Amino acid sequence: MFVNTVLNTLWLSLMYKMTFIGYLPARLSKEAIATPLQILIIYFWLNSTQFERIKNKLLG
């Protein structure tokens, strides 16, 4: 979360010559929405039956 919010914002501000503070509100709102969605997607993916079958085949 730190990398996406701070370091990517810094990189964008350097690339496009806009102030860091100018990008920060948009990046913070993006992270507030995207992070919980990513957590839910990973949670449901890891608990899916298809993933369990793949894991069982690989681990024994």
N, C-alpha and C. Protein backbone atom coordinates (compact mmCIF):
# COMPACT_ATOMS: atom_id res chain seq x y z
N MET A 1 0.82 -1.18 0.00
CA MET A 1 0.00 0.00 0.00
C MET A 1 0.88 1.26 0.00
N PHE A 2 1.96 1.23 0.77
CA PHE A 2 2.89 2.36 0.80
C PHE A 2 3.48 2.61 -0.58
N VAL A 3 3.86 1.54 -1.24
CA VAL A 3 4.48 1.68 -2.57
C VAL A 3 3.50 2.28 -3.55
N ASN A 4 2.28 1.74 -3.59
CA ASN A 4 1.29 2.26 -4.54
C ASN A 4 0.94 3.71 -4.25
N THR A 5 0.81 4.05 -3.00
CA THR A 5 0.37 5.40 -2.67
C THR A 5 1.49 6.42 -2.80
N VAL A 6 2.61 6.16 -2.19
CA VAL A 6 3.66 7.18 -2.11
C VAL A 6 4.65 7.09 -3.27
N LEU A 7 5.23 5.94 -3.47
CA LEU A 7 6.29 5.85 -4.48
C LEU A 7 5.75 5.99 -5.90
N ASN A 8 4.60 5.38 -6.20
CA ASN A 8 4.03 5.55 -7.53
C ASN A 8 3.58 6.99 -7.77
N THR A 9 3.06 7.63 -6.73
CA THR A 9 2.68 9.04 -6.86
C THR A 9 3.91 9.90 -7.11
N LEU A 10 4.98 9.60 -6.41
CA LEU A 10 6.23 10.33 -6.64
C LEU A 10 6.72 10.14 -8.07
N TRP A 11 6.66 8.91 -8.55
CA TRP A 11 7.10 8.62 -9.91
C TRP A 11 6.25 9.37 -10.93
N LEU A 12 4.93 9.37 -10.74
CA LEU A 12 4.05 10.10 -11.66
C LEU A 12 4.34 11.60 -11.64
N SER A 13 4.58 12.13 -10.46
CA SER A 13 4.86 13.57 -10.37
C SER A 13 6.18 13.92 -11.05
N LEU A 14 7.15 13.02 -11.00
CA LEU A 14 8.41 13.27 -11.70
C LEU A 14 8.26 13.14 -13.21
N MET A 15 7.48 12.16 -13.66
CA MET A 15 7.32 11.93 -15.09
C MET A 15 6.52 13.02 -15.77
N TYR A 16 5.44 13.46 -15.13
CA TYR A 16 4.51 14.38 -15.78
C TYR A 16 4.60 15.81 -15.26
N LYS A 17 5.60 16.10 -14.46
CA LYS A 17 5.86 17.46 -13.98
C LYS A 17 4.66 18.09 -13.27
N MET A 18 3.94 17.28 -12.49
CA MET A 18 2.85 17.80 -11.68
C MET A 18 3.26 17.65 -10.22
N THR A 19 2.73 18.48 -9.36
CA THR A 19 3.14 18.41 -7.97
C THR A 19 2.69 17.11 -7.33
N PHE A 20 3.48 16.65 -6.38
CA PHE A 20 3.17 15.43 -5.63
C PHE A 20 1.81 15.55 -4.96
N ILE A 21 1.55 16.70 -4.36
CA ILE A 21 0.28 16.93 -3.66
C ILE A 21 -0.89 16.94 -4.65
N GLY A 22 -0.64 17.29 -5.88
CA GLY A 22 -1.69 17.29 -6.90
C GLY A 22 -2.19 15.89 -7.22
N TYR A 23 -1.30 14.92 -7.22
CA TYR A 23 -1.67 13.54 -7.50
C TYR A 23 -2.17 12.79 -6.26
N LEU A 24 -1.73 13.20 -5.10
CA LEU A 24 -1.98 12.42 -3.89
C LEU A 24 -3.46 12.16 -3.58
N PRO A 25 -4.37 13.13 -3.67
CA PRO A 25 -5.78 12.83 -3.36
C PRO A 25 -6.37 11.75 -4.26
N ALA A 26 -6.06 11.80 -5.54
CA ALA A 26 -6.58 10.79 -6.46
C ALA A 26 -5.99 9.42 -6.15
N ARG A 27 -4.72 9.36 -5.83
CA ARG A 27 -4.07 8.09 -5.53
C ARG A 27 -4.59 7.51 -4.22
N LEU A 28 -4.85 8.36 -3.23
CA LEU A 28 -5.39 7.88 -1.95
C LEU A 28 -6.79 7.30 -2.13
N SER A 29 -7.63 7.98 -2.90
CA SER A 29 -8.97 7.45 -3.13
C SER A 29 -8.93 6.17 -3.94
N LYS A 30 -8.02 6.08 -4.90
CA LYS A 30 -7.86 4.84 -5.68
C LYS A 30 -7.46 3.69 -4.77
N GLU A 31 -6.52 3.93 -3.87
CA GLU A 31 -6.07 2.89 -2.94
C GLU A 31 -7.17 2.49 -1.96
N ALA A 32 -7.97 3.46 -1.53
CA ALA A 32 -9.06 3.16 -0.60
C ALA A 32 -10.10 2.25 -1.23
N ILE A 33 -10.27 2.33 -2.53
CA ILE A 33 -11.23 1.49 -3.24
C ILE A 33 -10.59 0.18 -3.70
N ALA A 34 -9.41 0.25 -4.27
CA ALA A 34 -8.79 -0.91 -4.90
C ALA A 34 -8.27 -1.94 -3.90
N THR A 35 -7.72 -1.51 -2.78
CA THR A 35 -7.11 -2.45 -1.84
C THR A 35 -8.13 -3.43 -1.26
N PRO A 36 -9.29 -2.99 -0.76
CA PRO A 36 -10.26 -3.98 -0.27
C PRO A 36 -10.76 -4.91 -1.36
N LEU A 37 -10.92 -4.40 -2.58
CA LEU A 37 -11.34 -5.26 -3.68
C LEU A 37 -10.28 -6.32 -4.00
N GLN A 38 -9.03 -5.93 -4.01
CA GLN A 38 -7.96 -6.89 -4.26
C GLN A 38 -7.89 -7.95 -3.16
N ILE A 39 -8.10 -7.55 -1.93
CA ILE A 39 -8.09 -8.50 -0.81
C ILE A 39 -9.23 -9.49 -0.96
N LEU A 40 -10.42 -9.02 -1.31
CA LEU A 40 -11.56 -9.93 -1.51
C LEU A 40 -11.32 -10.89 -2.66
N ILE A 41 -10.80 -10.40 -3.75
CA ILE A 41 -10.53 -11.27 -4.90
C ILE A 41 -9.52 -12.35 -4.54
N ILE A 42 -8.45 -11.98 -3.88
CA ILE A 42 -7.44 -12.96 -3.48
C ILE A 42 -8.02 -13.96 -2.49
N TYR A 43 -8.83 -13.50 -1.54
CA TYR A 43 -9.43 -14.39 -0.55
C TYR A 43 -10.30 -15.44 -1.23
N PHE A 44 -11.20 -15.00 -2.12
CA PHE A 44 -12.09 -15.95 -2.78
C PHE A 44 -11.33 -16.86 -3.74
N TRP A 45 -10.29 -16.34 -4.37
CA TRP A 45 -9.50 -17.17 -5.27
C TRP A 45 -8.77 -18.26 -4.50
N LEU A 46 -8.19 -17.90 -3.36
CA LEU A 46 -7.44 -18.89 -2.58
C LEU A 46 -8.35 -19.93 -1.94
N ASN A 47 -9.61 -19.60 -1.74
CA ASN A 47 -10.56 -20.55 -1.15
C ASN A 47 -11.38 -21.29 -2.19
N SER A 48 -11.10 -21.11 -3.46
CA SER A 48 -11.87 -21.79 -4.50
C SER A 48 -11.47 -23.26 -4.58
N THR A 49 -12.40 -24.08 -5.03
CA THR A 49 -12.14 -25.52 -5.14
C THR A 49 -11.12 -25.82 -6.23
N GLN A 50 -11.13 -25.04 -7.30
CA GLN A 50 -10.16 -25.26 -8.37
C GLN A 50 -8.74 -25.01 -7.87
N PHE A 51 -8.55 -23.99 -7.07
CA PHE A 51 -7.23 -23.72 -6.51
C PHE A 51 -6.82 -24.84 -5.57
N GLU A 52 -7.76 -25.39 -4.81
CA GLU A 52 -7.45 -26.51 -3.91
C GLU A 52 -6.97 -27.72 -4.71
N ARG A 53 -7.61 -28.00 -5.84
CA ARG A 53 -7.18 -29.13 -6.67
C ARG A 53 -5.76 -28.92 -7.21
N ILE A 54 -5.47 -27.73 -7.65
CA ILE A 54 -4.13 -27.43 -8.16
C ILE A 54 -3.10 -27.55 -7.05
N LYS A 55 -3.43 -27.03 -5.88
CA LYS A 55 -2.52 -27.10 -4.74
C LYS A 55 -2.27 -28.55 -4.34
N ASN A 56 -3.31 -29.37 -4.34
CA ASN A 56 -3.15 -30.78 -3.98
C ASN A 56 -2.29 -31.53 -4.99
N LYS A 57 -2.43 -31.21 -6.27
CA LYS A 57 -1.61 -31.86 -7.29
C LYS A 57 -0.15 -31.47 -7.16
N LEU A 58 0.11 -30.20 -6.85
CA LEU A 58 1.49 -29.74 -6.75
C LEU A 58 2.17 -30.22 -5.48
N LEU A 59 1.44 -30.24 -4.39
CA LEU A 59 2.05 -30.59 -3.10
C LEU A 59 1.96 -32.07 -2.77
N GLY A 60 1.20 -32.78 -3.50
CA GLY A 60 1.24 -34.21 -3.25
C GLY A 60 -0.08 -34.80 -3.08
